């Protein structure tokens, strides 16, 4: 018997009010079941307040070590940030620093711990964890996230593997197998990686009509504006919000017969 389950997530929750508004609308009027919170985001407090009003929304931690600012004071993560106090733009530079420098590695671990602590301070239940720009594909970052996550009752971690993404898919599945063996739940597939920034209603309905077996994460970036501080140029944020609330997409999900929910709902069965 084919078992198909689905978590519909939104990244960058807390980055801006435009994102928070879209997350709330997509959950209350559409198919969104989970969101990943950037605890250092400009609108993180607003995001947490909205999440408390939405008990059915699973909220996870979106660990930021690139393209954002740290929770810790910049001088405590000096090996990871530039003169402006934000993480280096180059993920390659940061990845090598963490791999080769004990100082950078220790600072990374301290920042990860600080972000988990900031999430815990919201009082929200921890549904899952992932990293901005999938930086948890770096094994040392993943190890730090998992170690700290266990202290906070972490149930699940995103495996960013979508068919057709080449070596990234193979590496993600390799890590995912290790994460499962360590006792963490994770998804079997992701849809939306190759559609990032342009996950239109037509594409979303097509994805829902062809879900693979196992637990799939449908990964989105909705917002009520296409441009806001920190937004990615060219992303169709409003189109993704429209897709999540589109009647045709909602109908396609119902027709699929798939079981939906946040990660926590499937944390004991994700690898089934």
C-alpha atoms as a PDB file:
ATOM      1  CA  UNK A   1       0.000   0.000   0.000  1.00  0.00           C
ATOM      2  CA  UNK A   2       1.346   3.403  -0.982  1.00  0.00           C
ATOM      3  CA  UNK A   3       1.599   5.793   1.962  1.00  0.00           C
ATOM      4  CA  UNK A   4       1.964   9.454   1.104  1.00  0.00           C
ATOM      5  CA  UNK A   5       2.257  12.248   3.627  1.00  0.00           C
ATOM      6  CA  UNK A   6       2.901  15.947   3.153  1.00  0.00           C
ATOM      7  CA  UNK A   7       4.319  18.852   5.131  1.00  0.00           C
ATOM      8  CA  UNK A   8       3.830  22.236   3.435  1.00  0.00           C
ATOM      9  CA  UNK A   9       6.422  24.683   4.753  1.00  0.00           C
ATOM     10  CA  UNK A  10       7.316  28.346   4.410  1.00  0.00           C
ATOM     11  CA  UNK A  11      10.872  29.530   5.028  1.00  0.00           C
ATOM     12  CA  UNK A  12      12.050  32.917   6.335  1.00  0.00           C
ATOM     13  CA  UNK A  13       9.208  33.340   8.874  1.00  0.00           C
ATOM     14  CA  UNK A  14      10.217  36.390  10.891  1.00  0.00           C
ATOM     15  CA  UNK A  15      12.330  37.962   8.159  1.00  0.00           C
ATOM     16  CA  UNK A  16       9.770  40.709   7.496  1.00  0.00           C
ATOM     17  CA  UNK A  17       6.142  41.577   8.165  1.00  0.00           C
ATOM     18  CA  UNK A  18       5.384  40.780   4.512  1.00  0.00           C
ATOM     19  CA  UNK A  19       6.499  37.185   5.132  1.00  0.00           C
ATOM     20  CA  UNK A  20       4.650  36.874   8.441  1.00  0.00           C
ATOM     21  CA  UNK A  21       1.403  38.126   6.942  1.00  0.00           C
ATOM     22  CA  UNK A  22       1.733  35.633   4.102  1.00  0.00           C
ATOM     23  CA  UNK A  23       2.433  32.728   6.456  1.00  0.00           C
ATOM     24  CA  UNK A  24      -0.656  33.480   8.514  1.00  0.00           C
ATOM     25  CA  UNK A  25      -2.829  33.847   5.414  1.00  0.00           C
ATOM     26  CA  UNK A  26      -1.442  30.712   3.765  1.00  0.00           C
ATOM     27  CA  UNK A  27      -2.122  28.694   6.912  1.00  0.00           C
ATOM     28  CA  UNK A  28      -5.610  30.013   7.675  1.00  0.00           C
ATOM     29  CA  UNK A  29      -6.822  30.252   4.074  1.00  0.00           C
ATOM     30  CA  UNK A  30      -4.629  27.730   2.267  1.00  0.00           C
ATOM     31  CA  UNK A  31      -2.566  24.580   2.568  1.00  0.00           C
ATOM     32  CA  UNK A  32       0.438  25.726   4.655  1.00  0.00           C
ATOM     33  CA  UNK A  33       1.099  23.463   7.656  1.00  0.00           C
ATOM     34  CA  UNK A  34       4.515  24.614   8.937  1.00  0.00           C
ATOM     35  CA  UNK A  35       6.888  27.580   8.944  1.00  0.00           C
ATOM     36  CA  UNK A  36      10.581  27.985   9.746  1.00  0.00           C
ATOM     37  CA  UNK A  37      11.408  30.908  12.058  1.00  0.00           C
ATOM     38  CA  UNK A  38      14.457  33.150  11.621  1.00  0.00           C
ATOM     39  CA  UNK A  39      14.986  34.148  15.248  1.00  0.00           C
ATOM     40  CA  UNK A  40      17.328  37.006  14.287  1.00  0.00           C
ATOM     41  CA  UNK A  41      14.921  38.367  11.683  1.00  0.00           C
ATOM     42  CA  UNK A  42      13.585  41.912  11.824  1.00  0.00           C
ATOM     43  CA  UNK A  43      10.045  40.646  12.462  1.00  0.00           C
ATOM     44  CA  UNK A  44      10.798  37.588  14.612  1.00  0.00           C
ATOM     45  CA  UNK A  45       8.752  38.806  17.584  1.00  0.00           C
ATOM     46  CA  UNK A  46       5.758  39.466  15.362  1.00  0.00           C
ATOM     47  CA  UNK A  47       6.145  35.991  13.839  1.00  0.00           C
ATOM     48  CA  UNK A  48       6.180  34.348  17.263  1.00  0.00           C
ATOM     49  CA  UNK A  49       3.083  36.290  18.321  1.00  0.00           C
ATOM     50  CA  UNK A  50       1.218  35.197  15.185  1.00  0.00           C
ATOM     51  CA  UNK A  51       2.322  31.583  15.704  1.00  0.00           C
ATOM     52  CA  UNK A  52       0.871  31.574  19.221  1.00  0.00           C
ATOM     53  CA  UNK A  53      -2.512  32.409  17.663  1.00  0.00           C
ATOM     54  CA  UNK A  54      -2.136  29.523  15.201  1.00  0.00           C
ATOM     55  CA  UNK A  55      -1.867  26.307  17.246  1.00  0.00           C
ATOM     56  CA  UNK A  56      -2.175  24.135  14.143  1.00  0.00           C
ATOM     57  CA  UNK A  57       0.921  25.682  12.546  1.00  0.00           C
ATOM     58  CA  UNK A  58       4.127  23.750  13.171  1.00  0.00           C
ATOM     59  CA  UNK A  59       6.980  26.189  13.772  1.00  0.00           C
ATOM     60  CA  UNK A  60      10.602  25.170  13.403  1.00  0.00           C
ATOM     61  CA  UNK A  61      13.951  26.901  13.643  1.00  0.00           C
ATOM     62  CA  UNK A  62      15.499  28.290  10.459  1.00  0.00           C
ATOM     63  CA  UNK A  63      19.171  28.431  11.478  1.00  0.00           C
ATOM     64  CA  UNK A  64      20.910  31.375   9.818  1.00  0.00           C
ATOM     65  CA  UNK A  65      24.685  31.319   9.238  1.00  0.00           C
ATOM     66  CA  UNK A  66      24.655  33.116   5.880  1.00  0.00           C
ATOM     67  CA  UNK A  67      22.820  36.063   4.354  1.00  0.00           C
ATOM     68  CA  UNK A  68      21.652  37.382   7.726  1.00  0.00           C
ATOM     69  CA  UNK A  69      22.758  38.638  11.093  1.00  0.00           C
ATOM     70  CA  UNK A  70      23.749  36.623  14.151  1.00  0.00           C
ATOM     71  CA  UNK A  71      21.930  36.404  17.445  1.00  0.00           C
ATOM     72  CA  UNK A  72      25.204  36.760  19.332  1.00  0.00           C
ATOM     73  CA  UNK A  73      27.093  40.075  19.329  1.00  0.00           C
ATOM     74  CA  UNK A  74      29.282  40.269  16.205  1.00  0.00           C
ATOM     75  CA  UNK A  75      32.494  40.268  18.245  1.00  0.00           C
ATOM     76  CA  UNK A  76      31.606  36.803  19.540  1.00  0.00           C
ATOM     77  CA  UNK A  77      31.354  35.406  15.999  1.00  0.00           C
ATOM     78  CA  UNK A  78      34.094  37.502  14.418  1.00  0.00           C
ATOM     79  CA  UNK A  79      35.329  34.637  12.230  1.00  0.00           C
ATOM     80  CA  UNK A  80      31.914  34.350  10.601  1.00  0.00           C
ATOM     81  CA  UNK A  81      30.892  37.977  10.027  1.00  0.00           C
ATOM     82  CA  UNK A  82      32.096  40.942   8.033  1.00  0.00           C
ATOM     83  CA  UNK A  83      32.740  44.533   9.171  1.00  0.00           C
ATOM     84  CA  UNK A  84      29.003  45.223   9.054  1.00  0.00           C
ATOM     85  CA  UNK A  85      28.335  42.538  11.670  1.00  0.00           C
ATOM     86  CA  UNK A  86      26.397  40.328   9.251  1.00  0.00           C
ATOM     87  CA  UNK A  87      27.423  36.851   8.159  1.00  0.00           C
ATOM     88  CA  UNK A  88      29.776  36.782   5.185  1.00  0.00           C
ATOM     89  CA  UNK A  89      28.029  36.833   1.811  1.00  0.00           C
ATOM     90  CA  UNK A  90      30.214  33.973   0.604  1.00  0.00           C
ATOM     91  CA  UNK A  91      28.956  30.650   1.934  1.00  0.00           C
ATOM     92  CA  UNK A  92      32.071  29.001   0.486  1.00  0.00           C
ATOM     93  CA  UNK A  93      34.266  31.249   2.631  1.00  0.00           C
ATOM     94  CA  UNK A  94      32.253  30.437   5.738  1.00  0.00           C
ATOM     95  CA  UNK A  95      32.157  26.722   4.930  1.00  0.00           C
ATOM     96  CA  UNK A  96      35.942  26.537   4.657  1.00  0.00           C
ATOM     97  CA  UNK A  97      36.418  28.654   7.779  1.00  0.00           C
ATOM     98  CA  UNK A  98      34.254  26.261   9.795  1.00  0.00           C
ATOM     99  CA  UNK A  99      36.033  23.229   8.344  1.00  0.00           C
ATOM    100  CA  UNK A 100      39.572  24.511   8.842  1.00  0.00           C
ATOM    101  CA  UNK A 101      39.482  26.855  11.821  1.00  0.00           C
ATOM    102  CA  UNK A 102      38.758  25.622  15.370  1.00  0.00           C
ATOM    103  CA  UNK A 103      37.911  29.222  16.315  1.00  0.00           C
ATOM    104  CA  UNK A 104      35.333  29.570  13.529  1.00  0.00           C
ATOM    105  CA  UNK A 105      33.917  26.153  14.378  1.00  0.00           C
ATOM    106  CA  UNK A 106      33.534  27.037  18.047  1.00  0.00           C
ATOM    107  CA  UNK A 107      31.873  30.326  17.137  1.00  0.00           C
ATOM    108  CA  UNK A 108      29.481  28.531  14.790  1.00  0.00           C
ATOM    109  CA  UNK A 109      28.493  26.118  17.550  1.00  0.00           C
ATOM    110  CA  UNK A 110      27.947  29.008  19.969  1.00  0.00           C
ATOM    111  CA  UNK A 111      25.743  30.817  17.443  1.00  0.00           C
ATOM    112  CA  UNK A 112      23.702  27.691  16.763  1.00  0.00           C
ATOM    113  CA  UNK A 113      23.170  27.272  20.508  1.00  0.00           C
ATOM    114  CA  UNK A 114      22.127  30.929  20.803  1.00  0.00           C
ATOM    115  CA  UNK A 115      19.570  30.538  18.016  1.00  0.00           C
ATOM    116  CA  UNK A 116      18.050  27.465  19.656  1.00  0.00           C
ATOM    117  CA  UNK A 117      17.902  29.380  22.951  1.00  0.00           C
ATOM    118  CA  UNK A 118      16.193  32.313  21.230  1.00  0.00           C
ATOM    119  CA  UNK A 119      13.632  29.942  19.746  1.00  0.00           C
ATOM    120  CA  UNK A 120      13.015  28.351  23.153  1.00  0.00           C
ATOM    121  CA  UNK A 121      12.434  31.818  24.609  1.00  0.00           C
ATOM    122  CA  UNK A 122       9.408  32.252  22.325  1.00  0.00           C
ATOM    123  CA  UNK A 123       7.632  29.445  24.183  1.00  0.00           C
ATOM    124  CA  UNK A 124       6.723  27.758  20.896  1.00  0.00           C
ATOM    125  CA  UNK A 125       6.969  24.003  20.491  1.00  0.00           C
ATOM    126  CA  UNK A 126       9.901  23.071  18.239  1.00  0.00           C
ATOM    127  CA  UNK A 127       8.472  21.296  15.182  1.00  0.00           C
ATOM    128  CA  UNK A 128      11.620  20.923  13.063  1.00  0.00           C
ATOM    129  CA  UNK A 129      14.908  22.522  12.089  1.00  0.00           C
ATOM    130  CA  UNK A 130      16.587  23.480   8.832  1.00  0.00           C
ATOM    131  CA  UNK A 131      19.110  26.091   7.750  1.00  0.00           C
ATOM    132  CA  UNK A 132      18.941  29.165   5.570  1.00  0.00           C
ATOM    133  CA  UNK A 133      20.147  28.287   2.059  1.00  0.00           C
ATOM    134  CA  UNK A 134      20.358  24.647   3.226  1.00  0.00           C
ATOM    135  CA  UNK A 135      23.649  25.301   5.006  1.00  0.00           C
ATOM    136  CA  UNK A 136      23.015  22.245   7.188  1.00  0.00           C
ATOM    137  CA  UNK A 137      24.303  20.207   4.242  1.00  0.00           C
ATOM    138  CA  UNK A 138      27.690  21.160   5.713  1.00  0.00           C
ATOM    139  CA  UNK A 139      28.321  18.158   7.977  1.00  0.00           C
ATOM    140  CA  UNK A 140      29.889  20.178  10.791  1.00  0.00           C
ATOM    141  CA  UNK A 141      26.953  22.576  10.822  1.00  0.00           C
ATOM    142  CA  UNK A 142      24.530  19.659  10.767  1.00  0.00           C
ATOM    143  CA  UNK A 143      26.345  18.004  13.667  1.00  0.00           C
ATOM    144  CA  UNK A 144      26.154  21.197  15.726  1.00  0.00           C
ATOM    145  CA  UNK A 145      22.473  21.663  14.924  1.00  0.00           C
ATOM    146  CA  UNK A 146      21.604  18.079  15.850  1.00  0.00           C
ATOM    147  CA  UNK A 147      23.653  18.118  19.055  1.00  0.00           C
ATOM    148  CA  UNK A 148      22.044  21.337  20.237  1.00  0.00           C
ATOM    149  CA  UNK A 149      18.643  20.307  18.925  1.00  0.00           C
ATOM    150  CA  UNK A 150      18.611  17.227  21.113  1.00  0.00           C
ATOM    151  CA  UNK A 151      18.841  19.479  24.158  1.00  0.00           C
ATOM    152  CA  UNK A 152      15.640  21.144  22.983  1.00  0.00           C
ATOM    153  CA  UNK A 153      13.655  18.036  22.066  1.00  0.00           C
ATOM    154  CA  UNK A 154      14.184  18.354  18.324  1.00  0.00           C
ATOM    155  CA  UNK A 155      11.910  15.870  16.495  1.00  0.00           C
ATOM    156  CA  UNK A 156      12.727  16.434  12.809  1.00  0.00           C
ATOM    157  CA  UNK A 157      15.191  17.948  10.342  1.00  0.00           C
ATOM    158  CA  UNK A 158      14.755  18.845   6.684  1.00  0.00           C
ATOM    159  CA  UNK A 159      16.533  16.725   4.088  1.00  0.00           C
ATOM    160  CA  UNK A 160      16.743  19.025   1.037  1.00  0.00           C
ATOM    161  CA  UNK A 161      16.662  16.316  -1.623  1.00  0.00           C
ATOM    162  CA  UNK A 162      14.632  16.741  -4.797  1.00  0.00           C
ATOM    163  CA  UNK A 163      14.889  14.394  -7.753  1.00  0.00           C
ATOM    164  CA  UNK A 164      16.964  15.854 -10.552  1.00  0.00           C
ATOM    165  CA  UNK A 165      19.242  18.055  -8.452  1.00  0.00           C
ATOM    166  CA  UNK A 166      22.309  15.908  -9.043  1.00  0.00           C
ATOM    167  CA  UNK A 167      25.055  15.597  -6.447  1.00  0.00           C
ATOM    168  CA  UNK A 168      23.163  17.791  -4.001  1.00  0.00           C
ATOM    169  CA  UNK A 169      20.373  15.238  -3.945  1.00  0.00           C
ATOM    170  CA  UNK A 170      22.784  12.340  -3.392  1.00  0.00           C
ATOM    171  CA  UNK A 171      24.620  14.162  -0.589  1.00  0.00           C
ATOM    172  CA  UNK A 172      21.353  15.175   1.076  1.00  0.00           C
ATOM    173  CA  UNK A 173      20.083  11.594   0.977  1.00  0.00           C
ATOM    174  CA  UNK A 174      23.369  10.341   2.422  1.00  0.00           C
ATOM    175  CA  UNK A 175      23.061  12.782   5.324  1.00  0.00           C
ATOM    176  CA  UNK A 176      19.354  12.005   5.682  1.00  0.00           C
ATOM    177  CA  UNK A 177      20.116   8.316   6.160  1.00  0.00           C
ATOM    178  CA  UNK A 178      22.581   9.214   8.914  1.00  0.00           C
ATOM    179  CA  UNK A 179      20.059  11.506  10.575  1.00  0.00           C
ATOM    180  CA  UNK A 180      17.430   8.766  10.588  1.00  0.00           C
ATOM    181  CA  UNK A 181      19.874   6.313  12.134  1.00  0.00           C
ATOM    182  CA  UNK A 182      20.524   8.854  14.890  1.00  0.00           C
ATOM    183  CA  UNK A 183      16.801   8.826  15.700  1.00  0.00           C
ATOM    184  CA  UNK A 184      15.670  12.041  14.025  1.00  0.00           C
ATOM    185  CA  UNK A 185      12.713  12.110  11.682  1.00  0.00           C
ATOM    186  CA  UNK A 186      13.234  13.589   8.256  1.00  0.00           C
ATOM    187  CA  UNK A 187      11.362  13.828   4.991  1.00  0.00           C
ATOM    188  CA  UNK A 188      11.897  11.374   2.156  1.00  0.00           C
ATOM    189  CA  UNK A 189      11.580  13.963  -0.604  1.00  0.00           C
ATOM    190  CA  UNK A 190      11.302  17.698  -1.206  1.00  0.00           C
ATOM    191  CA  UNK A 191       9.373  19.399  -3.948  1.00  0.00           C
ATOM    192  CA  UNK A 192       9.909  23.087  -4.571  1.00  0.00           C
ATOM    193  CA  UNK A 193      13.702  23.298  -4.608  1.00  0.00           C
ATOM    194  CA  UNK A 194      13.900  23.562  -8.374  1.00  0.00           C
ATOM    195  CA  UNK A 195      10.889  25.901  -8.361  1.00  0.00           C
ATOM    196  CA  UNK A 196      12.316  28.196  -5.662  1.00  0.00           C
ATOM    197  CA  UNK A 197      11.105  31.732  -6.143  1.00  0.00           C
ATOM    198  CA  UNK A 198       8.671  30.719  -8.877  1.00  0.00           C
ATOM    199  CA  UNK A 199       6.420  28.065  -7.353  1.00  0.00           C
ATOM    200  CA  UNK A 200       3.274  29.152  -9.184  1.00  0.00           C
ATOM    201  CA  UNK A 201      -0.204  27.700  -8.701  1.00  0.00           C
ATOM    202  CA  UNK A 202       0.089  25.663 -11.900  1.00  0.00           C
ATOM    203  CA  UNK A 203       3.392  24.131 -10.806  1.00  0.00           C
ATOM    204  CA  UNK A 204       2.140  23.510  -7.289  1.00  0.00           C
ATOM    205  CA  UNK A 205      -1.023  21.760  -8.455  1.00  0.00           C
ATOM    206  CA  UNK A 206       1.091  19.583 -10.762  1.00  0.00           C
ATOM    207  CA  UNK A 207       3.421  18.685  -7.891  1.00  0.00           C
ATOM    208  CA  UNK A 208       0.497  17.745  -5.664  1.00  0.00           C
ATOM    209  CA  UNK A 209      -0.920  15.515  -8.370  1.00  0.00           C
ATOM    210  CA  UNK A 210       2.352  13.575  -8.581  1.00  0.00           C
ATOM    211  CA  UNK A 211       3.537  13.165  -4.986  1.00  0.00           C
ATOM    212  CA  UNK A 212       5.927  10.258  -4.406  1.00  0.00           C
ATOM    213  CA  UNK A 213       5.584   7.645  -1.702  1.00  0.00           C
ATOM    214  CA  UNK A 214       6.705   8.563   1.805  1.00  0.00           C
ATOM    215  CA  UNK A 215       6.874  11.958   3.503  1.00  0.00           C
ATOM    216  CA  UNK A 216       7.278  14.899   1.128  1.00  0.00           C
ATOM    217  CA  UNK A 217       8.040  18.467   2.129  1.00  0.00           C
ATOM    218  CA  UNK A 218       6.520  21.041  -0.197  1.00  0.00           C
ATOM    219  CA  UNK A 219       8.856  23.985   0.263  1.00  0.00           C
ATOM    220  CA  UNK A 220       7.769  27.591  -0.358  1.00  0.00           C
ATOM    221  CA  UNK A 221       8.655  31.266   0.129  1.00  0.00           C
ATOM    222  CA  UNK A 222       5.425  33.274   0.347  1.00  0.00           C
ATOM    223  CA  UNK A 223       5.191  36.991   1.086  1.00  0.00           C
ATOM    224  CA  UNK A 224       2.673  39.755   0.498  1.00  0.00           C
ATOM    225  CA  UNK A 225       5.293  41.809  -1.371  1.00  0.00           C
ATOM    226  CA  UNK A 226       7.851  40.830  -3.985  1.00  0.00           C
ATOM    227  CA  UNK A 227      10.404  43.256  -2.584  1.00  0.00           C
ATOM    228  CA  UNK A 228      11.117  43.811   1.096  1.00  0.00           C
ATOM    229  CA  UNK A 229      14.358  44.313   3.085  1.00  0.00           C
ATOM    230  CA  UNK A 230      16.336  41.117   2.649  1.00  0.00           C
ATOM    231  CA  UNK A 231      14.235  39.715  -0.196  1.00  0.00           C
ATOM    232  CA  UNK A 232      15.898  37.818  -3.021  1.00  0.00           C
ATOM    233  CA  UNK A 233      15.853  39.651  -6.368  1.00  0.00           C
ATOM    234  CA  UNK A 234      13.507  38.082  -8.879  1.00  0.00           C
ATOM    235  CA  UNK A 235      11.590  35.905  -6.425  1.00  0.00           C
ATOM    236  CA  UNK A 236       7.839  35.785  -7.074  1.00  0.00           C
ATOM    237  CA  UNK A 237       6.861  35.821  -3.397  1.00  0.00           C
ATOM    238  CA  UNK A 238       3.304  36.984  -4.042  1.00  0.00           C
ATOM    239  CA  UNK A 239       2.801  34.271  -6.657  1.00  0.00           C
ATOM    240  CA  UNK A 240       3.839  31.651  -4.112  1.00  0.00           C
ATOM    241  CA  UNK A 241       1.345  33.039  -1.593  1.00  0.00           C
ATOM    242  CA  UNK A 242      -1.331  33.016  -4.292  1.00  0.00           C
ATOM    243  CA  UNK A 243      -0.460  29.391  -5.084  1.00  0.00           C
ATOM    244  CA  UNK A 244      -0.768  28.301  -1.451  1.00  0.00           C
ATOM    245  CA  UNK A 245      -4.262  29.782  -1.254  1.00  0.00           C
ATOM    246  CA  UNK A 246      -5.375  28.979  -4.812  1.00  0.00           C
ATOM    247  CA  UNK A 247      -8.701  27.066  -5.025  1.00  0.00           C
ATOM    248  CA  UNK A 248      -7.260  24.782  -7.692  1.00  0.00           C
ATOM    249  CA  UNK A 249      -4.262  23.935  -5.520  1.00  0.00           C
ATOM    250  CA  UNK A 250      -6.514  23.287  -2.517  1.00  0.00           C
ATOM    251  CA  UNK A 251      -8.678  21.026  -4.686  1.00  0.00           C
ATOM    252  CA  UNK A 252      -5.598  19.191  -5.996  1.00  0.00           C
ATOM    253  CA  UNK A 253      -4.449  18.515  -2.455  1.00  0.00           C
ATOM    254  CA  UNK A 254      -7.853  17.174  -1.465  1.00  0.00           C
ATOM    255  CA  UNK A 255      -7.986  14.995  -4.558  1.00  0.00           C
ATOM    256  CA  UNK A 256      -4.562  13.533  -3.794  1.00  0.00           C
ATOM    257  CA  UNK A 257      -5.850  11.959  -0.591  1.00  0.00           C
ATOM    258  CA  UNK A 258      -2.492  12.646   1.055  1.00  0.00           C
ATOM    259  CA  UNK A 259      -2.258  13.079   4.830  1.00  0.00           C
ATOM    260  CA  UNK A 260      -1.002  16.539   5.789  1.00  0.00           C
ATOM    261  CA  UNK A 261       0.350  18.214   8.880  1.00  0.00           C
ATOM    262  CA  UNK A 262       3.471  19.680  10.474  1.00  0.00           C
ATOM    263  CA  UNK A 263       6.605  17.577  10.929  1.00  0.00           C
ATOM    264  CA  UNK A 264       5.690  16.725  14.517  1.00  0.00           C
ATOM    265  CA  UNK A 265       2.642  14.821  13.294  1.00  0.00           C
ATOM    266  CA  UNK A 266       4.885  12.427  11.399  1.00  0.00           C
ATOM    267  CA  UNK A 267       7.969  12.479  13.614  1.00  0.00           C
ATOM    268  CA  UNK A 268       7.522   8.846  14.612  1.00  0.00           C
ATOM    269  CA  UNK A 269       6.699   7.705  11.087  1.00  0.00           C
ATOM    270  CA  UNK A 270       8.652   9.902   8.695  1.00  0.00           C
ATOM    271  CA  UNK A 271      10.811   7.123   7.364  1.00  0.00           C
ATOM    272  CA  UNK A 272       7.980   4.590   7.078  1.00  0.00           C
END
